[in-house]
Protein backbone atom coordinates (compact mmCIF):
# COMPACT_ATOMS: atom_id res chain seq x y z
CA MET A 1 -35.30 -0.74 -11.72
CA ALA A 2 -38.26 -0.51 -9.41
CA LEU A 3 -40.16 -3.89 -7.92
CA SER A 4 -43.28 -2.58 -9.54
CA ASP A 5 -41.86 -2.52 -13.25
CA ARG A 6 -41.62 -6.49 -12.31
CA HIS A 7 -45.45 -6.92 -11.86
CA ILE A 8 -48.05 -7.19 -14.64
CA GLU A 9 -51.64 -7.73 -14.39
CA LEU A 10 -53.41 -9.56 -17.43
CA HIS A 11 -57.13 -9.99 -16.89
CA ARG A 12 -60.30 -9.98 -19.03
CA ASP A 13 -62.02 -6.34 -18.52
CA PRO A 14 -65.39 -6.89 -16.94
CA HIS A 15 -66.70 -4.05 -19.05
CA SER A 16 -65.16 -4.44 -22.41
CA GLY A 17 -64.71 -8.12 -22.64
CA GLU A 18 -61.00 -7.28 -23.80
CA VAL A 19 -58.16 -8.97 -22.48
CA LEU A 20 -55.73 -6.43 -21.30
CA ALA A 21 -52.00 -6.45 -19.59
CA HIS A 22 -51.03 -3.57 -17.41
CA GLY A 23 -47.96 -2.52 -15.96
CA GLY A 24 -44.10 -4.02 -16.93
CA ASP A 25 -41.20 -2.21 -17.77
CA GLU A 26 -40.05 -1.94 -21.71
CA GLU A 27 -38.72 -5.73 -21.23
CA ALA A 28 -42.01 -6.95 -20.43
CA HIS A 29 -43.84 -4.65 -23.44
CA SER A 30 -41.50 -6.27 -25.81
CA ILE A 31 -42.66 -9.82 -24.21
CA LEU A 32 -46.22 -8.96 -24.67
CA GLN A 33 -45.72 -7.44 -28.09
CA ARG A 34 -44.00 -10.88 -29.31
CA ALA A 35 -46.66 -12.85 -27.91
CA GLY A 36 -49.10 -11.00 -29.83
CA PHE A 37 -50.57 -8.16 -27.70
CA ILE A 38 -50.68 -4.57 -29.37
CA HIS A 39 -49.53 -1.88 -27.23
CA VAL A 40 -52.10 0.89 -26.30
CA ARG A 41 -50.50 4.25 -25.41
CA ARG A 42 -53.02 7.01 -24.00
CA GLN A 43 -52.16 10.40 -22.72
CA HIS A 44 -52.17 9.22 -18.82
CA GLU A 45 -51.90 5.30 -19.33
CA GLN A 46 -50.42 2.48 -21.15
CA TYR A 47 -51.48 -1.12 -21.69
CA HIS A 48 -51.44 -4.15 -23.79
CA ARG A 49 -54.85 -5.51 -25.35
CA VAL A 50 -55.27 -8.57 -27.54
CA PRO A 51 -56.08 -8.13 -31.02
CA ALA A 52 -59.66 -7.73 -32.18
CA GLY A 53 -61.71 -10.46 -33.80
CA LEU A 54 -59.87 -13.62 -31.58
CA ASP A 55 -62.41 -16.09 -30.74
CA GLN A 56 -62.32 -16.77 -27.02
CA ALA A 57 -59.75 -19.98 -27.74
CA ALA A 58 -57.18 -17.72 -28.94
CA GLU A 59 -57.40 -14.97 -26.77
CA LYS A 60 -56.77 -17.62 -23.88
CA ALA A 61 -53.88 -19.26 -25.81
CA LEU A 62 -52.39 -15.90 -26.33
CA ALA A 63 -52.58 -14.96 -22.94
CA THR A 64 -51.23 -18.25 -21.74
CA THR A 65 -48.20 -17.50 -23.38
CA ALA A 66 -47.80 -14.22 -22.54
CA VAL A 67 -48.05 -15.12 -18.89
CA SER A 68 -45.47 -18.22 -19.38
CA ALA A 69 -43.11 -16.11 -21.16
CA LEU A 70 -43.16 -13.10 -18.32
CA ARG A 71 -43.01 -15.66 -15.58
CA SER A 72 -40.36 -17.29 -17.47
CA VAL A 73 -37.81 -14.26 -16.76
CA GLY A 74 -38.87 -13.25 -13.38
CA TYR A 75 -41.84 -11.19 -13.82
CA TRP A 76 -44.61 -11.64 -11.24
CA VAL A 77 -48.02 -12.05 -13.12
CA ALA A 78 -51.34 -11.84 -11.61
CA CYS A 79 -53.75 -13.15 -13.96
CA ASP A 80 -57.33 -14.52 -14.57
CA GLU A 81 -57.53 -18.27 -13.80
CA PRO A 82 -58.11 -19.37 -17.47
CA PHE A 83 -54.84 -17.52 -18.29
CA ASP A 84 -52.74 -19.13 -15.03
CA THR A 85 -50.15 -21.39 -16.28
CA ASP A 86 -47.05 -22.86 -14.13
CA ARG A 87 -45.16 -23.90 -17.82
CA LEU A 88 -42.37 -21.46 -18.23
CA THR A 89 -41.11 -21.24 -22.02
CA ALA A 90 -37.51 -20.50 -23.25
CA TYR A 91 -37.17 -16.58 -23.68
CA ASP A 92 -35.30 -15.54 -26.70
CA PRO A 93 -34.66 -11.97 -26.88
CA PRO A 94 -34.52 -10.19 -29.82
CA SER A 95 -30.82 -9.75 -31.40
CA ALA A 96 -29.73 -6.59 -32.22
CA ARG A 97 -29.36 -6.03 -35.84
CA GLY A 98 -26.25 -4.12 -37.67
């Protein structure tokens, strides 16, 4: 696994105002989606964003939860100050169902 796959940037886009997450591997994508982010796949890029219609407090809570979960399993997360946290959360990977 490339080290770049362990790096994620989570910021509020200055143009759209959306909270976006860029980078990561499949595990990071899973963590972001379970935290509440929506996966966006375009022809030449993919990223995650918070759902539309959330107020800023809900966006901050969602982003902070994602930062905590990602860092708890060893991702390096660059994020805006309001989303930064030293708190680590227990990571419970999804179980395979047979």
